[in-house]
Amino acid sequence: MENHASLFVNTALIMVCAAMATVFLTLPLPPNKGLKKYKVSLRFLAGAYLCISILKLSFMSFHVATVNLISMDILTVSSIRLSLFSIALIILLNPQYITRIYLVKQLSPVIILNLLYWSIVTKWGDPLILNLDRLKEHALEPTLFIRELFLIYFIFQLWYLTNLFITQLKLYENQVDNYFTESYHLKMPWVKFSYLAILLLGISSLISFFFISELWILIFSICYVIYYLVFAIYYIQYPKTFVFIEPVIFPLTEITETNGKINKKLVWNELKKTIIEEKYYLKPGVNIQDMSHFLKIGRTTLSMYINNEEGINFNTWINSLRIEEAKKLFIEYPKHNLIEISEMVGFSESSNFSRHFKVITKVSPSIWRQNHQS
């Protein structure tokens, strides 16, 4: 029964990887220079998916031993998968960070370790390690030493790429919050969950290097089938989001103001007064670029004023003004429902309004309204 289940899952994995690789290579993209790195990442992912399907097919065809602690094959696949999927996600957050040189640096240790391994395996052989006792017995053999060295590098990889991803994610989210008023969907939460999944799979692979069985391999294969499919479906939808976030990732160069007299007039209290009196913050979908045009100042200058003078980002400041306006409207129009009030203060979705309202007031809109109804 287990053999039939394994055959079915492995066949599904091969088909999913082959199909998604084809989609990556044939996906039509708009002629946008900003998507250049994304196009490159699609090709790398297509290559990775094809390699996975070919390797899995080879293992099935030649009956390669799958239960082998600290297996060089599994180490190589796990390391490359972690690198490529992490880099593919970072490209979505900060395309300018990833370069060809950086990619070569990431893959070079894997290539070097494999070259060392294959250069000595013909002379010293490669012991099949089925349990921890056998691992201790052969720990100092040259080929196993290379495998152990690779394992140490893989642990470092997990730590390094996780820190890098968290740094780039925070930077991206901060940029989005400093540009948009409704930024939840533009933060691409699926990217965070995708990395969390690949990290958990990496940690599971790490554990499996010491404790592995046919059942473990079957469970891993099922997880990989689901992950590869879901990841690919979300990844190919990125261009739809890129249309909105392009000004954040590739900001236009602003003309520096050189007139000292004009600069002296850019007093934040006056700008803030104009925004509040004109209620420009209630405009649906307003972003910092729109507001800077309205105020006739540079986007960077406006962002600097909000961050320095208010101590918060654009998103938080605008939505706090909207919530204050909503409080007044709740009292002024007691018969208006939640959707109507949220639209009046500029939110496109009532769910976003409720989320921001609760963050700022610590209670939901309905509870706040009940408490202040009288």
Protein backbone atom coordinates (compact mmCIF):
# COMPACT_ATOMS: atom_id res chain seq x y z
CA MET A 1 0.00 0.00 0.00
CA GLU A 2 2.83 2.37 0.93
CA ASN A 3 4.58 1.67 -2.38
CA HIS A 4 1.41 2.55 -4.31
CA ALA A 5 1.00 5.77 -2.31
CA SER A 6 4.65 6.66 -2.89
CA LEU A 7 4.34 6.02 -6.63
CA PHE A 8 1.20 8.17 -6.84
CA VAL A 9 2.71 11.07 -4.87
CA ASN A 10 6.02 11.00 -6.78
CA THR A 11 4.17 10.90 -10.11
CA ALA A 12 2.07 13.88 -8.99
CA LEU A 13 5.26 15.73 -7.98
CA ILE A 14 6.87 15.09 -11.38
CA MET A 15 3.75 16.23 -13.27
CA VAL A 16 3.28 19.36 -11.14
CA CYS A 17 6.92 20.41 -11.52
CA ALA A 18 6.96 19.77 -15.27
CA ALA A 19 3.67 21.62 -15.81
CA MET A 20 4.67 24.63 -13.72
CA ALA A 21 8.08 24.82 -15.42
CA THR A 22 6.26 25.05 -18.75
CA VAL A 23 4.02 27.82 -17.38
CA PHE A 24 7.04 29.77 -16.10
CA LEU A 25 8.72 29.62 -19.51
CA THR A 26 5.63 30.51 -21.56
CA LEU A 27 3.99 33.08 -19.25
CA PRO A 28 3.17 36.24 -21.28
CA LEU A 29 4.41 39.40 -19.56
CA PRO A 30 3.83 43.09 -20.28
CA PRO A 31 6.78 44.92 -21.91
CA ASN A 32 7.89 46.56 -18.67
CA LYS A 33 11.58 47.08 -17.85
CA GLY A 34 10.78 46.87 -14.16
CA LEU A 35 9.85 43.21 -14.61
CA LYS A 36 13.26 42.27 -16.02
CA LYS A 37 14.49 40.58 -12.84
CA TYR A 38 11.12 38.88 -12.45
CA LYS A 39 11.47 37.39 -15.95
CA VAL A 40 14.92 36.08 -15.03
CA SER A 41 13.54 34.56 -11.83
CA LEU A 42 10.86 32.76 -13.85
CA ARG A 43 13.56 31.10 -15.95
CA PHE A 44 15.54 30.05 -12.89
CA LEU A 45 12.41 28.65 -11.28
CA ALA A 46 11.53 26.81 -14.49
CA GLY A 47 14.99 25.25 -14.45
CA ALA A 48 14.63 24.34 -10.77
CA TYR A 49 11.21 22.75 -11.30
CA LEU A 50 12.50 20.78 -14.31
CA CYS A 51 15.54 19.57 -12.35
CA ILE A 52 13.32 18.43 -9.49
CA SER A 53 11.07 16.46 -11.84
CA ILE A 54 14.08 14.89 -13.64
CA LEU A 55 15.82 13.96 -10.36
CA LYS A 56 12.66 12.44 -8.95
CA LEU A 57 12.10 10.49 -12.16
CA SER A 58 15.71 9.25 -12.04
CA PHE A 59 15.36 8.11 -8.43
CA MET A 60 12.21 6.19 -9.34
CA SER A 61 13.68 4.67 -12.53
CA PHE A 62 17.02 3.53 -11.05
CA HIS A 63 15.69 2.71 -7.58
CA VAL A 64 18.19 5.01 -5.86
CA ALA A 65 18.42 4.42 -2.12
CA THR A 66 16.37 7.13 -0.48
CA VAL A 67 17.13 6.25 3.14
CA ASN A 68 20.68 7.59 3.56
CA LEU A 69 21.55 9.95 6.41
CA ILE A 70 23.21 13.23 5.34
CA SER A 71 22.72 12.24 1.72
CA MET A 72 24.72 14.37 -0.73
CA ASP A 73 21.84 14.23 -3.22
CA ILE A 74 19.28 15.49 -0.71
CA LEU A 75 21.70 18.11 0.63
CA THR A 76 22.32 19.48 -2.85
CA VAL A 77 18.63 19.58 -3.76
CA SER A 78 17.68 21.13 -0.38
CA SER A 79 20.41 23.78 -0.61
CA ILE A 80 19.63 24.81 -4.19
CA ARG A 81 15.89 24.81 -3.50
CA LEU A 82 16.36 27.05 -0.45
CA SER A 83 18.59 29.48 -2.38
CA LEU A 84 16.44 29.72 -5.52
CA PHE A 85 13.09 30.02 -3.75
CA SER A 86 14.46 32.59 -1.25
CA ILE A 87 16.04 34.66 -4.01
CA ALA A 88 12.87 34.41 -6.12
CA LEU A 89 10.85 35.87 -3.22
CA ILE A 90 13.40 38.60 -2.47
CA ILE A 91 13.29 39.64 -6.14
CA LEU A 92 9.60 40.47 -5.65
CA LEU A 93 10.41 42.67 -2.66
CA ASN A 94 13.60 44.31 -3.92
CA PRO A 95 14.59 43.43 -7.52
CA GLN A 96 17.63 45.70 -7.36
CA TYR A 97 19.22 43.71 -4.52
CA ILE A 98 19.68 40.48 -6.48
CA THR A 99 22.36 40.53 -9.19
CA ARG A 100 24.07 37.83 -11.25
CA ILE A 101 27.18 38.14 -9.09
CA TYR A 102 25.09 37.64 -5.96
CA LEU A 103 23.42 34.57 -7.45
CA VAL A 104 26.81 33.09 -8.41
CA LYS A 105 28.08 33.67 -4.86
CA GLN A 106 25.05 31.85 -3.47
CA LEU A 107 25.47 28.81 -5.70
CA SER A 108 29.29 28.66 -5.68
CA PRO A 109 29.64 26.83 -2.31
CA VAL A 110 27.21 24.14 -3.52
CA ILE A 111 29.20 23.65 -6.73
CA ILE A 112 32.54 23.60 -4.89
CA LEU A 113 31.33 21.09 -2.30
CA ASN A 114 29.94 18.84 -5.03
CA LEU A 115 33.21 19.01 -6.99
CA LEU A 116 35.16 18.06 -3.86
CA TYR A 117 32.76 15.25 -3.13
CA TRP A 118 32.88 13.71 -6.62
CA SER A 119 36.65 14.13 -6.85
CA ILE A 120 37.22 11.82 -3.85
CA VAL A 121 34.20 9.52 -4.04
CA THR A 122 35.80 7.41 -6.80
CA LYS A 123 38.79 6.66 -4.58
CA TRP A 124 37.28 6.46 -1.10
CA GLY A 125 33.75 5.41 -1.95
CA ASP A 126 30.58 6.73 -0.33
CA PRO A 127 29.24 4.82 2.68
CA LEU A 128 25.52 4.19 2.95
CA ILE A 129 24.50 5.53 6.37
CA LEU A 130 21.29 3.94 7.65
CA ASN A 131 21.48 4.88 11.33
CA LEU A 132 23.30 7.15 13.81
CA ASP A 133 25.64 4.40 15.00
CA ARG A 134 26.92 3.88 11.47
CA LEU A 135 27.25 7.67 11.13
CA LYS A 136 29.56 7.80 14.17
CA GLU A 137 31.54 4.86 12.86
CA HIS A 138 32.29 6.49 9.48
CA ALA A 139 32.30 10.14 10.63
CA LEU A 140 35.93 10.82 9.62
CA GLU A 141 35.86 9.17 6.21
CA PRO A 142 36.67 11.75 3.47
CA THR A 143 33.38 11.54 1.55
CA LEU A 144 31.28 11.61 4.70
CA PHE A 145 33.36 14.52 6.02
CA ILE A 146 32.41 16.51 2.87
CA ARG A 147 28.77 15.63 3.47
CA GLU A 148 29.07 16.83 7.08
CA LEU A 149 30.75 20.03 5.89
CA PHE A 150 27.87 20.57 3.45
CA LEU A 151 25.42 20.07 6.32
CA ILE A 152 27.13 22.85 8.32
CA TYR A 153 26.91 25.14 5.28
CA PHE A 154 23.20 24.32 4.90
CA ILE A 155 22.58 25.34 8.53
CA PHE A 156 24.41 28.62 7.87
CA GLN A 157 22.30 29.07 4.71
CA LEU A 158 19.08 28.74 6.68
CA TRP A 159 20.23 31.41 9.14
CA TYR A 160 21.65 33.80 6.54
CA LEU A 161 18.75 33.68 4.06
CA THR A 162 16.16 33.99 6.82
CA ASN A 163 17.82 37.15 8.16
CA LEU A 164 18.16 38.54 4.64
CA PHE A 165 14.51 37.84 3.84
CA ILE A 166 13.26 39.44 7.08
CA THR A 167 15.39 42.55 6.41
CA GLN A 168 14.10 42.93 2.84
CA LEU A 169 10.51 42.25 3.91
CA LYS A 170 10.61 44.96 6.59
CA LEU A 171 12.16 47.42 4.13
CA TYR A 172 9.50 46.67 1.51
CA GLU A 173 6.60 46.93 3.97
CA ASN A 174 7.95 50.23 5.27
CA GLN A 175 8.16 51.59 1.70
CA VAL A 176 4.59 50.48 0.97
CA ASP A 177 3.28 52.06 4.18
CA ASN A 178 5.03 55.30 3.28
CA TYR A 179 3.27 55.39 -0.10
CA PHE A 180 -0.22 53.87 0.15
CA THR A 181 -3.14 54.34 2.53
CA GLU A 182 -4.54 50.82 2.01
CA SER A 183 -1.51 48.59 1.78
CA TYR A 184 -2.45 45.20 3.24
CA HIS A 185 -2.87 43.33 -0.06
CA LEU A 186 0.06 45.18 -1.63
CA LYS A 187 2.30 43.82 1.12
CA MET A 188 1.77 40.43 -0.53
CA PRO A 189 1.22 38.36 2.65
CA TRP A 190 1.58 35.20 0.56
CA VAL A 191 5.29 36.03 0.14
CA LYS A 192 5.77 35.88 3.91
CA PHE A 193 3.86 32.59 4.16
CA SER A 194 5.79 31.16 1.19
CA TYR A 195 9.11 31.85 2.86
CA LEU A 196 7.85 30.49 6.16
CA ALA A 197 6.84 27.28 4.36
CA ILE A 198 10.20 26.89 2.59
CA LEU A 199 11.96 27.58 5.92
CA LEU A 200 9.92 24.88 7.68
CA LEU A 201 10.66 22.48 4.83
CA GLY A 202 14.34 23.34 5.15
CA ILE A 203 14.32 22.70 8.90
CA SER A 204 12.42 19.44 8.30
CA SER A 205 15.08 18.45 5.76
CA LEU A 206 17.72 19.22 8.37
CA ILE A 207 16.03 16.91 10.87
CA SER A 208 15.59 14.24 8.23
CA PHE A 209 19.35 14.13 7.65
CA PHE A 210 19.56 12.27 10.99
CA PHE A 211 16.15 10.62 11.30
CA ILE A 212 14.62 9.41 8.06
CA SER A 213 12.35 6.64 6.84
CA GLU A 214 10.21 5.81 3.83
CA LEU A 215 7.21 7.32 5.64
CA TRP A 216 9.10 10.59 6.22
CA ILE A 217 9.98 10.73 2.53
CA LEU A 218 6.35 10.16 1.56
CA ILE A 219 5.16 12.95 3.86
CA PHE A 220 7.85 15.32 2.53
CA SER A 221 6.85 14.51 -1.05
CA ILE A 222 3.20 15.36 -0.32
CA CYS A 223 4.27 18.66 1.27
CA TYR A 224 6.47 19.48 -1.73
CA VAL A 225 3.66 18.77 -4.21
CA ILE A 226 1.37 21.19 -2.37
CA TYR A 227 4.06 23.83 -1.88
CA TYR A 228 5.37 23.81 -5.47
CA LEU A 229 1.86 24.09 -6.88
CA VAL A 230 0.61 26.85 -4.55
CA PHE A 231 3.87 28.81 -4.82
CA ALA A 232 3.76 28.74 -8.64
CA ILE A 233 0.10 29.85 -8.76
CA TYR A 234 0.80 32.90 -6.60
CA TYR A 235 4.16 33.69 -8.19
CA ILE A 236 2.76 34.02 -11.73
CA GLN A 237 0.20 36.57 -10.47
CA TYR A 238 2.89 39.01 -9.34
CA PRO A 239 2.63 41.29 -12.46
CA LYS A 240 -0.91 42.24 -11.35
CA THR A 241 0.49 43.58 -8.09
CA PHE A 242 3.57 45.10 -9.74
CA VAL A 243 1.34 47.55 -11.64
CA PHE A 244 0.53 49.21 -8.30
CA ILE A 245 3.84 48.86 -6.44
CA GLU A 246 6.18 49.89 -9.28
CA PRO A 247 6.44 53.53 -8.02
CA VAL A 248 7.53 52.15 -4.64
CA ILE A 249 10.17 49.75 -5.98
CA PHE A 250 11.40 52.08 -8.74
CA PRO A 251 10.69 55.63 -7.49
CA LEU A 252 11.00 58.47 -9.98
CA THR A 253 13.91 60.85 -9.43
CA GLU A 254 12.58 64.11 -8.04
CA ILE A 255 13.88 67.53 -9.01
CA THR A 256 15.67 69.06 -6.03
CA GLU A 257 14.31 72.43 -4.97
CA THR A 258 17.02 75.07 -5.11
CA ASN A 259 15.09 78.19 -4.10
CA GLY A 260 15.80 78.88 -0.43
CA LYS A 261 12.76 81.14 -0.02
CA ILE A 262 10.43 78.37 -1.19
CA ASN A 263 12.03 75.90 1.19
CA LYS A 264 11.41 78.21 4.18
CA LYS A 265 7.69 78.24 3.39
CA LEU A 266 7.43 74.46 3.58
CA VAL A 267 6.40 74.50 7.21
CA TRP A 268 4.76 71.29 8.26
CA ASN A 269 2.04 72.96 10.35
CA GLU A 270 0.84 74.86 7.30
CA LEU A 271 0.90 71.77 5.10
CA LYS A 272 -0.92 69.74 7.73
CA LYS A 273 -3.52 72.48 8.11
CA THR A 274 -4.17 72.47 4.35
CA ILE A 275 -4.57 68.66 4.26
CA ILE A 276 -7.00 68.66 7.19
CA GLU A 277 -9.05 71.70 6.10
CA GLU A 278 -9.40 70.41 2.55
CA LYS A 279 -10.01 66.87 3.89
CA TYR A 280 -7.76 65.55 1.17
CA TYR A 281 -7.07 62.48 3.30
CA LEU A 282 -10.65 61.30 2.63
CA LYS A 283 -9.97 60.85 -1.07
CA PRO A 284 -10.35 57.11 -1.87
CA GLY A 285 -7.10 55.44 -2.89
CA VAL A 286 -4.99 58.52 -2.20
CA ASN A 287 -1.26 57.88 -2.05
CA ILE A 288 1.68 60.04 -1.09
CA GLN A 289 2.42 60.91 -4.73
CA ASP A 290 -1.12 62.31 -5.17
CA MET A 291 -0.86 64.30 -1.95
CA SER A 292 2.56 65.71 -2.83
CA HIS A 293 1.15 66.95 -6.16
CA PHE A 294 -1.80 68.48 -4.32
CA LEU A 295 0.55 70.30 -1.94
CA LYS A 296 3.03 71.13 -4.73
CA ILE A 297 6.01 69.64 -2.91
CA GLY A 298 8.23 66.63 -3.51
CA ARG A 299 7.11 63.18 -2.42
CA THR A 300 10.34 62.62 -0.47
CA THR A 301 9.91 65.97 1.30
CA LEU A 302 6.34 65.16 2.32
CA SER A 303 7.34 61.70 3.53
CA MET A 304 10.15 63.26 5.58
CA TYR A 305 7.75 65.73 7.21
CA ILE A 306 5.25 63.02 8.16
CA ASN A 307 7.91 60.65 9.49
CA ASN A 308 9.83 63.32 11.42
CA GLU A 309 7.03 65.58 12.65
CA GLU A 310 4.29 63.02 13.25
CA GLY A 311 6.61 60.15 14.16
CA ILE A 312 4.66 57.66 12.02
CA ASN A 313 4.50 56.62 8.37
CA PHE A 314 2.12 57.96 5.72
CA ASN A 315 -0.26 55.00 5.93
CA THR A 316 -0.68 55.23 9.72
CA TRP A 317 -1.07 59.02 9.74
CA ILE A 318 -3.70 59.19 6.98
CA ASN A 319 -5.72 56.34 8.43
CA SER A 320 -5.62 57.86 11.91
CA LEU A 321 -7.14 61.03 10.42
CA ARG A 322 -9.77 58.91 8.68
CA ILE A 323 -10.66 57.09 11.89
CA GLU A 324 -11.07 60.41 13.73
CA GLU A 325 -13.40 61.53 10.94
CA ALA A 326 -15.31 58.23 11.18
CA LYS A 327 -15.91 58.79 14.91
CA LYS A 328 -17.57 62.12 14.13
CA LEU A 329 -19.69 60.54 11.38
CA PHE A 330 -20.83 57.69 13.65
CA ILE A 331 -22.30 60.27 16.00
CA GLU A 332 -23.59 62.59 13.26
CA TYR A 333 -25.19 59.80 11.21
CA PRO A 334 -26.33 57.11 13.68
CA LYS A 335 -28.41 55.32 11.02
CA HIS A 336 -25.51 54.89 8.56
CA ASN A 337 -24.10 51.38 8.47
CA LEU A 338 -20.45 50.40 8.66
CA ILE A 339 -19.96 50.15 4.89
CA GLU A 340 -21.39 53.63 4.29
CA ILE A 341 -19.17 55.22 6.96
CA SER A 342 -16.06 53.42 5.68
CA GLU A 343 -16.72 54.71 2.16
CA MET A 344 -17.30 58.26 3.43
CA VAL A 345 -13.86 58.32 5.06
CA GLY A 346 -12.07 56.93 2.00
CA PHE A 347 -11.74 53.18 2.60
CA SER A 348 -12.40 50.95 -0.40
CA GLU A 349 -13.12 47.92 1.82
CA SER A 350 -15.02 47.90 5.10
CA SER A 351 -12.72 45.10 6.35
CA ASN A 352 -9.72 47.45 6.04
CA PHE A 353 -11.66 50.15 7.86
CA SER A 354 -12.53 47.78 10.72
CA ARG A 355 -8.92 46.57 10.98
CA HIS A 356 -7.45 50.10 11.18
CA PHE A 357 -10.22 51.27 13.52
CA LYS A 358 -9.47 48.48 15.98
CA VAL A 359 -5.71 49.05 15.79
CA ILE A 360 -6.11 52.75 16.60
CA THR A 361 -9.00 52.69 19.11
CA LYS A 362 -8.41 49.16 20.52
CA VAL A 363 -12.10 48.33 19.94
CA SER A 364 -14.17 47.43 16.88
CA PRO A 365 -16.27 50.12 15.12
CA SER A 366 -19.55 48.55 16.27
CA ILE A 367 -18.49 48.44 19.95
CA TRP A 368 -17.16 52.02 19.80
CA ARG A 369 -20.45 53.15 18.28
CA GLN A 370 -22.46 51.42 21.02
CA ASN A 371 -20.33 53.00 23.74
CA HIS A 372 -20.78 56.50 22.26
CA GLN A 373 -24.34 56.16 20.97
CA SER A 374 -25.81 58.41 23.70
